[in-house]
């Protein structure tokens, strides 16, 4: 496991598909701090399955493919719309915002105070997935 990793066993793990999963893995580390826990390559060196972690969070991702399980997924970029979004609770929202923008995330909702408390922002990654960050914690 990556050093400093607090992973305890997430019960909900988003599964994302990328046209260029190799580049997505690099970008997700640079922009959001996810590190590779597992990476499995398939035919032609494409990513069949990868697990990325950050603290107690995990996401899984793969390259687009049109066989088996992969035939049921596509990228938001290919469809011109995203059908889901991911929310990540962070302690330092301004730092997360600056890191995401520095990595080239597209600003959708700028860093701002939220009506329900705290502050947050929403960005789009290079292939169209929507990511929101904030310090609002519905569990607190």
N, C-alpha and C. Protein backbone atom coordinates (compact mmCIF):
# COMPACT_ATOMS: atom_id res chain seq x y z
N UNK A 1 0.85 -1.19 0.00
CA UNK A 1 0.00 0.00 0.00
C UNK A 1 0.89 1.25 0.00
N UNK A 2 0.43 2.32 -0.63
CA UNK A 2 1.21 3.56 -0.63
C UNK A 2 1.41 4.07 0.79
N UNK A 3 2.58 4.67 1.03
CA UNK A 3 2.90 5.19 2.35
C UNK A 3 1.89 6.24 2.78
N UNK A 4 1.49 6.24 4.04
CA UNK A 4 0.52 7.19 4.56
C UNK A 4 -0.91 6.83 4.22
N UNK A 5 -1.11 5.71 3.60
CA UNK A 5 -2.43 5.27 3.14
C UNK A 5 -3.26 4.77 4.32
N UNK A 6 -4.47 5.28 4.47
CA UNK A 6 -5.34 4.93 5.58
C UNK A 6 -6.48 4.01 5.17
N UNK A 7 -6.40 3.42 4.00
CA UNK A 7 -7.49 2.64 3.45
C UNK A 7 -7.94 1.56 4.42
N UNK A 8 -9.23 1.55 4.72
CA UNK A 8 -9.80 0.59 5.66
C UNK A 8 -10.81 -0.33 5.00
N UNK A 9 -11.14 -0.11 3.76
CA UNK A 9 -12.11 -0.95 3.08
C UNK A 9 -13.35 -0.18 2.68
N UNK A 10 -13.25 0.61 1.63
CA UNK A 10 -14.38 1.40 1.16
C UNK A 10 -15.51 0.46 0.73
N UNK A 11 -16.74 0.85 1.00
CA UNK A 11 -17.90 0.05 0.63
C UNK A 11 -18.57 0.54 -0.66
N UNK A 12 -18.20 1.72 -1.11
CA UNK A 12 -18.69 2.26 -2.37
C UNK A 12 -17.47 2.74 -3.14
N UNK A 13 -17.24 2.17 -4.31
CA UNK A 13 -16.04 2.49 -5.08
C UNK A 13 -16.45 2.87 -6.50
N UNK A 14 -16.35 4.14 -6.85
CA UNK A 14 -16.69 4.55 -8.21
C UNK A 14 -15.78 3.86 -9.23
N UNK A 15 -16.37 3.53 -10.37
CA UNK A 15 -15.65 2.88 -11.46
C UNK A 15 -15.75 3.80 -12.68
N UNK A 16 -14.62 4.34 -13.11
CA UNK A 16 -14.59 5.30 -14.21
C UNK A 16 -13.89 4.70 -15.42
N UNK A 17 -14.30 5.15 -16.60
CA UNK A 17 -13.71 4.69 -17.85
C UNK A 17 -13.05 5.88 -18.54
N UNK A 18 -11.84 5.66 -19.04
CA UNK A 18 -11.09 6.70 -19.74
C UNK A 18 -10.59 6.17 -21.08
N UNK A 19 -10.61 7.01 -22.09
CA UNK A 19 -10.03 6.65 -23.38
C UNK A 19 -8.53 6.43 -23.21
N UNK A 20 -7.88 7.32 -22.48
CA UNK A 20 -6.44 7.19 -22.21
C UNK A 20 -6.26 7.00 -20.70
N UNK A 21 -6.46 5.77 -20.25
CA UNK A 21 -6.39 5.48 -18.82
C UNK A 21 -4.98 5.71 -18.26
N UNK A 22 -3.95 5.46 -19.06
CA UNK A 22 -2.58 5.72 -18.60
C UNK A 22 -2.41 7.19 -18.21
N UNK A 23 -2.83 8.07 -19.10
CA UNK A 23 -2.72 9.51 -18.83
C UNK A 23 -3.64 9.90 -17.67
N UNK A 24 -4.81 9.30 -17.59
CA UNK A 24 -5.74 9.60 -16.49
C UNK A 24 -5.11 9.28 -15.14
N UNK A 25 -4.42 8.16 -15.04
CA UNK A 25 -3.77 7.79 -13.78
C UNK A 25 -2.75 8.84 -13.37
N UNK A 26 -1.95 9.29 -14.31
CA UNK A 26 -0.96 10.33 -14.03
C UNK A 26 -1.66 11.62 -13.61
N UNK A 27 -2.70 12.00 -14.35
CA UNK A 27 -3.41 13.25 -14.08
C UNK A 27 -4.13 13.20 -12.73
N UNK A 28 -4.77 12.09 -12.40
CA UNK A 28 -5.50 11.97 -11.13
C UNK A 28 -4.56 12.06 -9.93
N UNK A 29 -3.34 11.64 -10.08
CA UNK A 29 -2.34 11.82 -9.03
C UNK A 29 -1.97 13.29 -8.92
N UNK A 30 -1.63 13.90 -10.04
CA UNK A 30 -1.20 15.30 -10.06
C UNK A 30 -2.30 16.25 -9.59
N UNK A 31 -3.53 16.02 -10.03
CA UNK A 31 -4.62 16.94 -9.74
C UNK A 31 -5.28 16.69 -8.38
N UNK A 32 -5.44 15.42 -8.00
CA UNK A 32 -6.25 15.09 -6.83
C UNK A 32 -5.54 14.25 -5.78
N UNK A 33 -4.33 13.80 -6.06
CA UNK A 33 -3.57 13.04 -5.08
C UNK A 33 -3.86 11.56 -5.00
N UNK A 34 -4.45 10.97 -6.04
CA UNK A 34 -4.70 9.52 -6.05
C UNK A 34 -3.43 8.80 -6.47
N UNK A 35 -3.10 7.70 -5.79
CA UNK A 35 -1.94 6.89 -6.15
C UNK A 35 -2.39 5.48 -6.52
N UNK A 36 -1.60 4.83 -7.33
CA UNK A 36 -1.95 3.50 -7.83
C UNK A 36 -1.74 2.45 -6.75
N UNK A 37 -2.77 1.67 -6.51
CA UNK A 37 -2.69 0.52 -5.62
C UNK A 37 -2.53 -0.75 -6.45
N UNK A 38 -3.25 -0.83 -7.58
CA UNK A 38 -3.20 -1.99 -8.47
C UNK A 38 -3.40 -1.51 -9.90
N UNK A 39 -2.64 -2.11 -10.81
CA UNK A 39 -2.73 -1.76 -12.23
C UNK A 39 -2.59 -3.04 -13.03
N UNK A 40 -3.59 -3.34 -13.86
CA UNK A 40 -3.58 -4.54 -14.68
C UNK A 40 -3.75 -4.15 -16.14
N UNK A 41 -2.78 -4.52 -16.96
CA UNK A 41 -2.85 -4.20 -18.37
C UNK A 41 -3.41 -5.37 -19.15
N UNK A 42 -4.10 -5.05 -20.23
CA UNK A 42 -4.65 -6.07 -21.11
C UNK A 42 -4.03 -5.97 -22.49
N UNK A 43 -4.78 -6.38 -23.48
CA UNK A 43 -4.32 -6.39 -24.87
C UNK A 43 -3.89 -4.99 -25.31
N UNK A 44 -2.77 -4.93 -26.00
CA UNK A 44 -2.29 -3.66 -26.53
C UNK A 44 -1.81 -2.70 -25.47
N UNK A 45 -1.61 -3.18 -24.23
CA UNK A 45 -1.14 -2.32 -23.15
C UNK A 45 -2.19 -1.44 -22.54
N UNK A 46 -3.44 -1.60 -22.96
CA UNK A 46 -4.53 -0.80 -22.36
C UNK A 46 -4.78 -1.26 -20.93
N UNK A 47 -5.28 -0.35 -20.12
CA UNK A 47 -5.58 -0.66 -18.73
C UNK A 47 -6.89 -1.42 -18.66
N UNK A 48 -6.84 -2.68 -18.24
CA UNK A 48 -8.07 -3.46 -18.02
C UNK A 48 -8.69 -3.11 -16.69
N UNK A 49 -7.85 -2.82 -15.69
CA UNK A 49 -8.36 -2.51 -14.35
C UNK A 49 -7.26 -1.83 -13.55
N UNK A 50 -7.62 -0.75 -12.88
CA UNK A 50 -6.69 -0.08 -11.97
C UNK A 50 -7.45 0.36 -10.74
N UNK A 51 -6.77 0.30 -9.62
CA UNK A 51 -7.32 0.79 -8.35
C UNK A 51 -6.42 1.91 -7.87
N UNK A 52 -7.02 3.07 -7.63
CA UNK A 52 -6.29 4.23 -7.15
C UNK A 52 -6.84 4.60 -5.78
N UNK A 53 -5.96 5.02 -4.88
CA UNK A 53 -6.37 5.35 -3.52
C UNK A 53 -5.87 6.72 -3.11
N UNK A 54 -6.61 7.29 -2.19
CA UNK A 54 -6.24 8.54 -1.53
C UNK A 54 -6.86 8.46 -0.15
N UNK A 55 -6.03 8.44 0.89
CA UNK A 55 -6.51 8.28 2.26
C UNK A 55 -7.42 7.05 2.32
N UNK A 56 -8.66 7.20 2.78
CA UNK A 56 -9.57 6.07 2.91
C UNK A 56 -10.47 5.90 1.68
N UNK A 57 -10.14 6.57 0.58
CA UNK A 57 -10.96 6.51 -0.63
C UNK A 57 -10.31 5.62 -1.68
N UNK A 58 -11.14 5.05 -2.52
CA UNK A 58 -10.65 4.29 -3.67
C UNK A 58 -11.54 4.60 -4.87
N UNK A 59 -10.91 4.66 -6.04
CA UNK A 59 -11.63 4.66 -7.31
C UNK A 59 -11.02 3.55 -8.16
N UNK A 60 -11.83 3.00 -9.03
CA UNK A 60 -11.32 2.03 -10.00
C UNK A 60 -11.50 2.66 -11.38
N UNK A 61 -10.63 2.30 -12.29
CA UNK A 61 -10.77 2.80 -13.65
C UNK A 61 -10.22 1.81 -14.64
N UNK A 62 -10.61 2.01 -15.89
CA UNK A 62 -10.12 1.17 -16.98
C UNK A 62 -10.13 1.97 -18.27
N UNK A 63 -9.49 1.40 -19.27
CA UNK A 63 -9.55 1.97 -20.61
C UNK A 63 -10.90 1.60 -21.23
N UNK A 64 -11.36 2.41 -22.16
CA UNK A 64 -12.57 2.05 -22.90
C UNK A 64 -12.32 0.78 -23.69
N UNK A 65 -13.32 -0.03 -23.78
CA UNK A 65 -13.25 -1.23 -24.62
C UNK A 65 -14.67 -1.66 -24.94
N UNK A 66 -14.82 -2.41 -25.99
CA UNK A 66 -16.17 -2.77 -26.43
C UNK A 66 -16.45 -4.27 -26.29
N UNK A 67 -15.83 -4.89 -25.30
CA UNK A 67 -16.09 -6.30 -25.05
C UNK A 67 -16.45 -6.52 -23.58
N UNK A 68 -17.13 -7.59 -23.29
CA UNK A 68 -17.46 -7.94 -21.91
C UNK A 68 -18.07 -6.79 -21.14
N UNK A 69 -17.61 -6.60 -19.93
CA UNK A 69 -18.10 -5.57 -19.03
C UNK A 69 -17.93 -4.17 -19.63
N UNK A 70 -16.83 -3.96 -20.34
CA UNK A 70 -16.53 -2.65 -20.89
C UNK A 70 -17.52 -2.13 -21.90
N UNK A 71 -18.28 -3.01 -22.54
CA UNK A 71 -19.23 -2.57 -23.56
C UNK A 71 -20.37 -1.73 -22.99
N UNK A 72 -20.53 -1.73 -21.68
CA UNK A 72 -21.62 -1.00 -21.05
C UNK A 72 -21.21 0.40 -20.57
N UNK A 73 -19.97 0.79 -20.86
CA UNK A 73 -19.45 2.07 -20.38
C UNK A 73 -18.86 2.89 -21.50
N UNK A 74 -18.85 4.19 -21.31
CA UNK A 74 -18.20 5.10 -22.23
C UNK A 74 -17.74 6.31 -21.42
N UNK A 75 -16.96 7.15 -22.03
CA UNK A 75 -16.48 8.35 -21.35
C UNK A 75 -17.49 9.49 -21.51
N UNK A 76 -17.54 10.40 -20.55
CA UNK A 76 -18.39 11.58 -20.73
C UNK A 76 -18.00 12.38 -21.96
N UNK A 77 -16.72 12.41 -22.26
CA UNK A 77 -16.23 13.14 -23.43
C UNK A 77 -16.84 12.57 -24.71
N UNK A 78 -16.94 11.25 -24.80
CA UNK A 78 -17.51 10.62 -25.99
C UNK A 78 -19.01 10.88 -26.11
N UNK A 79 -19.68 11.07 -24.98
CA UNK A 79 -21.13 11.28 -24.97
C UNK A 79 -21.53 12.74 -24.85
N UNK A 80 -20.54 13.62 -24.62
CA UNK A 80 -20.76 15.06 -24.45
C UNK A 80 -21.55 15.40 -23.20
N UNK A 81 -21.61 14.47 -22.24
CA UNK A 81 -22.29 14.74 -20.97
C UNK A 81 -21.82 13.71 -19.94
N UNK A 82 -21.79 14.13 -18.70
CA UNK A 82 -21.47 13.19 -17.62
C UNK A 82 -22.76 12.81 -16.92
N UNK A 83 -22.88 11.57 -16.54
CA UNK A 83 -24.11 11.12 -15.88
C UNK A 83 -23.92 10.89 -14.39
N UNK A 84 -22.75 11.21 -13.87
CA UNK A 84 -22.50 11.09 -12.44
C UNK A 84 -21.42 12.08 -12.03
N UNK A 85 -21.31 12.30 -10.75
CA UNK A 85 -20.27 13.15 -10.22
C UNK A 85 -19.75 12.53 -8.94
N UNK A 86 -18.54 12.90 -8.58
CA UNK A 86 -17.91 12.39 -7.36
C UNK A 86 -17.67 13.56 -6.44
N UNK A 87 -18.01 13.39 -5.15
CA UNK A 87 -17.76 14.42 -4.13
C UNK A 87 -16.71 13.90 -3.16
N UNK A 88 -15.67 14.70 -2.93
CA UNK A 88 -14.59 14.34 -2.02
C UNK A 88 -14.50 15.38 -0.92
N UNK A 89 -14.55 14.92 0.31
CA UNK A 89 -14.42 15.79 1.47
C UNK A 89 -12.94 16.04 1.73
N UNK A 90 -12.57 17.31 1.78
CA UNK A 90 -11.18 17.69 2.06
C UNK A 90 -11.14 18.72 3.17
N UNK A 91 -10.03 18.78 3.88
CA UNK A 91 -9.88 19.76 4.95
C UNK A 91 -9.47 21.13 4.42
N UNK A 92 -8.60 21.15 3.43
CA UNK A 92 -8.10 22.41 2.88
C UNK A 92 -8.65 22.59 1.47
N UNK A 93 -9.83 23.17 1.39
CA UNK A 93 -10.51 23.31 0.10
C UNK A 93 -9.73 24.23 -0.85
N UNK A 94 -9.23 25.40 -0.40
CA UNK A 94 -8.47 26.25 -1.32
C UNK A 94 -7.24 25.55 -1.90
N UNK A 95 -6.54 24.77 -1.11
CA UNK A 95 -5.36 24.05 -1.61
C UNK A 95 -5.78 23.01 -2.65
N UNK A 96 -6.88 22.30 -2.41
CA UNK A 96 -7.37 21.31 -3.37
C UNK A 96 -7.78 22.00 -4.68
N UNK A 97 -8.39 23.16 -4.56
CA UNK A 97 -8.82 23.94 -5.72
C UNK A 97 -7.61 24.36 -6.56
N UNK A 98 -6.60 24.92 -5.92
CA UNK A 98 -5.41 25.37 -6.63
C UNK A 98 -4.69 24.20 -7.29
N UNK A 99 -4.62 23.06 -6.60
CA UNK A 99 -3.96 21.87 -7.16
C UNK A 99 -4.69 21.39 -8.41
N UNK A 100 -6.01 21.33 -8.34
CA UNK A 100 -6.81 20.87 -9.48
C UNK A 100 -6.64 21.80 -10.67
N UNK A 101 -6.72 23.10 -10.43
CA UNK A 101 -6.58 24.06 -11.53
C UNK A 101 -5.17 24.03 -12.12
N UNK A 102 -4.17 23.89 -11.26
CA UNK A 102 -2.77 23.84 -11.73
C UNK A 102 -2.55 22.62 -12.63
N UNK A 103 -3.29 21.54 -12.39
CA UNK A 103 -3.16 20.34 -13.20
C UNK A 103 -3.98 20.42 -14.48
N UNK A 104 -4.75 21.50 -14.65
CA UNK A 104 -5.51 21.68 -15.87
C UNK A 104 -6.98 21.29 -15.80
N UNK A 105 -7.50 21.09 -14.58
CA UNK A 105 -8.93 20.79 -14.45
C UNK A 105 -9.75 21.98 -14.96
N UNK A 106 -10.85 21.67 -15.61
CA UNK A 106 -11.75 22.72 -16.09
C UNK A 106 -12.68 23.15 -14.96
N UNK A 107 -12.66 24.43 -14.67
CA UNK A 107 -13.51 24.98 -13.61
C UNK A 107 -14.97 24.96 -14.06
N UNK A 108 -15.83 24.34 -13.26
CA UNK A 108 -17.26 24.33 -13.54
C UNK A 108 -17.98 25.24 -12.55
N UNK A 109 -17.71 25.03 -11.26
CA UNK A 109 -18.21 25.91 -10.21
C UNK A 109 -16.99 26.36 -9.41
N UNK A 110 -16.69 27.65 -9.39
CA UNK A 110 -15.50 28.11 -8.69
C UNK A 110 -15.60 27.90 -7.18
N UNK A 111 -14.48 27.98 -6.53
CA UNK A 111 -14.43 27.90 -5.07
C UNK A 111 -15.36 28.95 -4.49
N UNK A 112 -16.29 28.49 -3.65
CA UNK A 112 -17.25 29.42 -3.05
C UNK A 112 -17.85 28.83 -1.78
N UNK A 113 -18.42 29.73 -0.96
CA UNK A 113 -19.15 29.30 0.23
C UNK A 113 -20.43 28.59 -0.21
N UNK A 114 -20.79 27.54 0.51
CA UNK A 114 -21.99 26.77 0.19
C UNK A 114 -23.14 27.16 1.10
N UNK A 115 -24.35 27.15 0.59
CA UNK A 115 -25.53 27.48 1.40
C UNK A 115 -25.70 26.52 2.57
N UNK A 116 -25.28 25.28 2.40
CA UNK A 116 -25.46 24.25 3.42
C UNK A 116 -24.27 24.17 4.38
N UNK A 117 -23.31 25.07 4.23
CA UNK A 117 -22.16 25.14 5.13
C UNK A 117 -20.86 24.80 4.43
N UNK A 118 -19.80 25.40 4.90
CA UNK A 118 -18.49 25.17 4.34
C UNK A 118 -18.29 25.80 2.99
N UNK A 119 -17.26 25.34 2.31
CA UNK A 119 -16.97 25.84 0.97
C UNK A 119 -16.63 24.66 0.06
N UNK A 120 -16.73 24.91 -1.24
CA UNK A 120 -16.47 23.83 -2.19
C UNK A 120 -16.31 24.35 -3.60
N UNK A 121 -16.03 23.42 -4.52
CA UNK A 121 -15.88 23.74 -5.93
C UNK A 121 -16.13 22.48 -6.75
N UNK A 122 -16.34 22.66 -8.05
CA UNK A 122 -16.55 21.54 -8.96
C UNK A 122 -15.70 21.76 -10.21
N UNK A 123 -15.03 20.70 -10.65
CA UNK A 123 -14.19 20.74 -11.84
C UNK A 123 -14.48 19.53 -12.72
N UNK A 124 -14.02 19.63 -13.97
CA UNK A 124 -14.13 18.53 -14.92
C UNK A 124 -12.71 18.07 -15.27
N UNK A 125 -12.49 16.75 -15.30
CA UNK A 125 -11.17 16.24 -15.67
C UNK A 125 -11.04 16.25 -17.20
N UNK A 126 -9.85 15.94 -17.73
CA UNK A 126 -9.64 16.05 -19.18
C UNK A 126 -10.56 15.20 -20.05
N UNK A 127 -11.16 14.14 -19.49
CA UNK A 127 -12.07 13.32 -20.29
C UNK A 127 -13.53 13.50 -19.90
N UNK A 128 -13.81 14.53 -19.10
CA UNK A 128 -15.19 14.91 -18.86
C UNK A 128 -15.83 14.46 -17.56
N UNK A 129 -15.13 13.69 -16.72
CA UNK A 129 -15.71 13.29 -15.44
C UNK A 129 -15.79 14.50 -14.51
N UNK A 130 -16.88 14.57 -13.74
CA UNK A 130 -17.15 15.71 -12.86
C UNK A 130 -16.70 15.37 -11.43
N UNK A 131 -15.94 16.26 -10.83
CA UNK A 131 -15.40 16.08 -9.48
C UNK A 131 -15.73 17.31 -8.64
N UNK A 132 -16.34 17.09 -7.48
CA UNK A 132 -16.62 18.17 -6.54
C UNK A 132 -15.82 17.93 -5.28
N UNK A 133 -15.32 19.00 -4.69
CA UNK A 133 -14.55 18.94 -3.46
C UNK A 133 -15.13 19.96 -2.48
N UNK A 134 -15.14 19.63 -1.23
CA UNK A 134 -15.61 20.57 -0.22
C UNK A 134 -15.29 20.09 1.16
N UNK A 135 -15.51 20.97 2.12
CA UNK A 135 -15.29 20.57 3.52
C UNK A 135 -16.60 20.26 4.23
N UNK A 136 -17.71 20.31 3.52
CA UNK A 136 -18.98 19.88 4.11
C UNK A 136 -18.94 18.36 4.27
N UNK A 137 -19.18 17.91 5.48
CA UNK A 137 -19.18 16.47 5.78
C UNK A 137 -20.55 16.08 6.31
N UNK A 138 -21.35 15.40 5.51
CA UNK A 138 -22.69 15.03 5.97
C UNK A 138 -22.68 14.05 7.13
N UNK A 139 -21.54 13.41 7.40
CA UNK A 139 -21.43 12.48 8.52
C UNK A 139 -21.13 13.19 9.83
N UNK A 140 -20.64 14.41 9.76
CA UNK A 140 -20.24 15.13 11.00
C UNK A 140 -21.46 15.66 11.74
